[in-house]
């Protein structure tokens, strides 16, 4: 179980970074459209 959480840590960070980048891209696209 500890091994699972250890492998999930970086994955969660990666998902958080991906979410932040995608939201920024979405805001940029919306600004370009408007």
PDB file of N, CA and C in Angstrom:
ATOM      1  N   UNK A   1       0.831  -1.202   0.000  1.00  0.00           N
ATOM      2  CA  UNK A   1       0.000   0.000   0.000  1.00  0.00           C
ATOM      3  C   UNK A   1       0.868   1.255   0.000  1.00  0.00           C
ATOM      4  N   UNK A   2       1.955   1.217   0.754  1.00  0.00           N
ATOM      5  CA  UNK A   2       2.853   2.374   0.795  1.00  0.00           C
ATOM      6  C   UNK A   2       3.472   2.590  -0.582  1.00  0.00           C
ATOM      7  N   UNK A   3       3.720   1.482  -1.291  1.00  0.00           N
ATOM      8  CA  UNK A   3       4.293   1.587  -2.627  1.00  0.00           C
ATOM      9  C   UNK A   3       3.310   2.279  -3.571  1.00  0.00           C
ATOM     10  N   UNK A   4       2.027   2.005  -3.380  1.00  0.00           N
ATOM     11  CA  UNK A   4       1.006   2.612  -4.233  1.00  0.00           C
ATOM     12  C   UNK A   4       0.962   4.125  -4.034  1.00  0.00           C
ATOM     13  N   UNK A   5       0.978   4.566  -2.773  1.00  0.00           N
ATOM     14  CA  UNK A   5       0.936   6.007  -2.498  1.00  0.00           C
ATOM     15  C   UNK A   5       2.207   6.687  -2.997  1.00  0.00           C
ATOM     16  N   UNK A   6       3.329   5.975  -2.916  1.00  0.00           N
ATOM     17  CA  UNK A   6       4.598   6.547  -3.375  1.00  0.00           C
ATOM     18  C   UNK A   6       4.568   6.748  -4.886  1.00  0.00           C
ATOM     19  N   UNK A   7       3.879   5.865  -5.597  1.00  0.00           N
ATOM     20  CA  UNK A   7       3.809   5.995  -7.052  1.00  0.00           C
ATOM     21  C   UNK A   7       2.714   6.982  -7.449  1.00  0.00           C
ATOM     22  N   UNK A   8       1.739   7.178  -6.562  1.00  0.00           N
ATOM     23  CA  UNK A   8       0.648   8.104  -6.872  1.00  0.00           C
ATOM     24  C   UNK A   8       1.057   9.559  -6.669  1.00  0.00           C
ATOM     25  N   UNK A   9       2.034   9.811  -5.818  1.00  0.00           N
ATOM     26  CA  UNK A   9       2.476  11.175  -5.537  1.00  0.00           C
ATOM     27  C   UNK A   9       2.845  11.958  -6.786  1.00  0.00           C
ATOM     28  N   UNK A  10       3.839  11.480  -7.539  1.00  0.00           N
ATOM     29  CA  UNK A  10       4.251  12.197  -8.758  1.00  0.00           C
ATOM     30  C   UNK A  10       3.123  12.285  -9.782  1.00  0.00           C
ATOM     31  N   UNK A  11       2.277  11.263  -9.822  1.00  0.00           N
ATOM     32  CA  UNK A  11       1.176  11.277 -10.787  1.00  0.00           C
ATOM     33  C   UNK A  11       0.195  12.396 -10.470  1.00  0.00           C
ATOM     34  N   UNK A  12      -0.087  12.581  -9.184  1.00  0.00           N
ATOM     35  CA  UNK A  12      -1.001  13.653  -8.769  1.00  0.00           C
ATOM     36  C   UNK A  12      -0.400  15.018  -9.096  1.00  0.00           C
ATOM     37  N   UNK A  13       0.905  15.156  -8.864  1.00  0.00           N
ATOM     38  CA  UNK A  13       1.578  16.430  -9.186  1.00  0.00           C
ATOM     39  C   UNK A  13       1.521  16.683 -10.687  1.00  0.00           C
ATOM     40  N   UNK A  14       1.720  15.626 -11.473  1.00  0.00           N
ATOM     41  CA  UNK A  14       1.687  15.755 -12.927  1.00  0.00           C
ATOM     42  C   UNK A  14       0.294  16.164 -13.391  1.00  0.00           C
ATOM     43  N   UNK A  15      -0.731  15.548 -12.794  1.00  0.00           N
ATOM     44  CA  UNK A  15      -2.108  15.885 -13.163  1.00  0.00           C
ATOM     45  C   UNK A  15      -2.434  17.324 -12.776  1.00  0.00           C
ATOM     46  N   UNK A  16      -1.939  17.770 -11.628  1.00  0.00           N
ATOM     47  CA  UNK A  16      -2.196  19.138 -11.182  1.00  0.00           C
ATOM     48  C   UNK A  16      -1.536  20.130 -12.134  1.00  0.00           C
ATOM     49  N   UNK A  17      -0.304  19.831 -12.541  1.00  0.00           N
ATOM     50  CA  UNK A  17       0.408  20.712 -13.468  1.00  0.00           C
ATOM     51  C   UNK A  17      -0.306  20.735 -14.817  1.00  0.00           C
ATOM     52  N   UNK A  18      -0.767  19.565 -15.263  1.00  0.00           N
ATOM     53  CA  UNK A  18      -1.478  19.486 -16.543  1.00  0.00           C
ATOM     54  C   UNK A  18      -2.781  20.282 -16.488  1.00  0.00           C
ATOM     55  N   UNK A  19      -3.481  20.195 -15.363  1.00  0.00           N
ATOM     56  CA  UNK A  19      -4.729  20.937 -15.204  1.00  0.00           C
ATOM     57  C   UNK A  19      -4.492  22.440 -15.240  1.00  0.00           C
ATOM     58  N   UNK A  20      -3.414  22.886 -14.587  1.00  0.00           N
ATOM     59  CA  UNK A  20      -3.109  24.315 -14.552  1.00  0.00           C
ATOM     60  C   UNK A  20      -2.765  24.816 -15.951  1.00  0.00           C
ATOM     61  N   UNK A  21      -1.955  24.045 -16.673  1.00  0.00           N
ATOM     62  CA  UNK A  21      -1.556  24.450 -18.027  1.00  0.00           C
ATOM     63  C   UNK A  21      -2.761  24.459 -18.967  1.00  0.00           C
ATOM     64  N   UNK A  22      -3.611  23.436 -18.862  1.00  0.00           N
ATOM     65  CA  UNK A  22      -4.771  23.368 -19.756  1.00  0.00           C
ATOM     66  C   UNK A  22      -5.751  24.505 -19.469  1.00  0.00           C
ATOM     67  N   UNK A  23      -5.911  24.863 -18.184  1.00  0.00           N
ATOM     68  CA  UNK A  23      -6.823  25.960 -17.843  1.00  0.00           C
ATOM     69  C   UNK A  23      -6.268  27.287 -18.358  1.00  0.00           C
ATOM     70  N   UNK A  24      -4.951  27.451 -18.286  1.00  0.00           N
ATOM     71  CA  UNK A  24      -4.335  28.676 -18.802  1.00  0.00           C
ATOM     72  C   UNK A  24      -4.512  28.756 -20.317  1.00  0.00           C
ATOM     73  N   UNK A  25      -4.339  27.620 -20.996  1.00  0.00           N
ATOM     74  CA  UNK A  25      -4.520  27.597 -22.447  1.00  0.00           C
ATOM     75  C   UNK A  25      -5.971  27.910 -22.802  1.00  0.00           C
ATOM     76  N   UNK A  26      -6.903  27.368 -22.012  1.00  0.00           N
ATOM     77  CA  UNK A  26      -8.318  27.614 -22.270  1.00  0.00           C
ATOM     78  C   UNK A  26      -8.641  29.096 -22.100  1.00  0.00           C
ATOM     79  N   UNK A  27      -8.077  29.724 -21.067  1.00  0.00           N
ATOM     80  CA  UNK A  27      -8.300  31.156 -20.845  1.00  0.00           C
ATOM     81  C   UNK A  27      -7.725  31.964 -22.004  1.00  0.00           C
ATOM     82  N   UNK A  28      -6.551  31.569 -22.491  1.00  0.00           N
ATOM     83  CA  UNK A  28      -5.932  32.272 -23.610  1.00  0.00           C
ATOM     84  C   UNK A  28      -6.777  32.169 -24.868  1.00  0.00           C
ATOM     85  N   UNK A  29      -7.319  30.976 -25.117  1.00  0.00           N
ATOM     86  CA  UNK A  29      -8.159  30.777 -26.301  1.00  0.00           C
ATOM     87  C   UNK A  29      -9.441  31.599 -26.189  1.00  0.00           C
ATOM     88  N   UNK A  30     -10.033  31.620 -24.994  1.00  0.00           N
ATOM     89  CA  UNK A  30     -11.255  32.405 -24.796  1.00  0.00           C
ATOM     90  C   UNK A  30     -10.977  33.886 -25.002  1.00  0.00           C
ATOM     91  N   UNK A  31      -9.813  34.355 -24.545  1.00  0.00           N
ATOM     92  CA  UNK A  31      -9.460  35.765 -24.721  1.00  0.00           C
ATOM     93  C   UNK A  31      -9.258  36.080 -26.202  1.00  0.00           C
ATOM     94  N   UNK A  32      -8.693  35.134 -26.947  1.00  0.00           N
ATOM     95  CA  UNK A  32      -8.479  35.345 -28.376  1.00  0.00           C
ATOM     96  C   UNK A  32      -9.815  35.386 -29.117  1.00  0.00           C
ATOM     97  N   UNK A  33     -10.745  34.526 -28.708  1.00  0.00           N
ATOM     98  CA  UNK A  33     -12.052  34.472 -29.376  1.00  0.00           C
ATOM     99  C   UNK A  33     -12.832  35.754 -29.112  1.00  0.00           C
ATOM    100  N   UNK A  34     -12.803  36.221 -27.876  1.00  0.00           N
ATOM    101  CA  UNK A  34     -13.515  37.448 -27.527  1.00  0.00           C
ATOM    102  C   UNK A  34     -12.627  38.633 -27.884  1.00  0.00           C
TER     103      UNK A  34
END
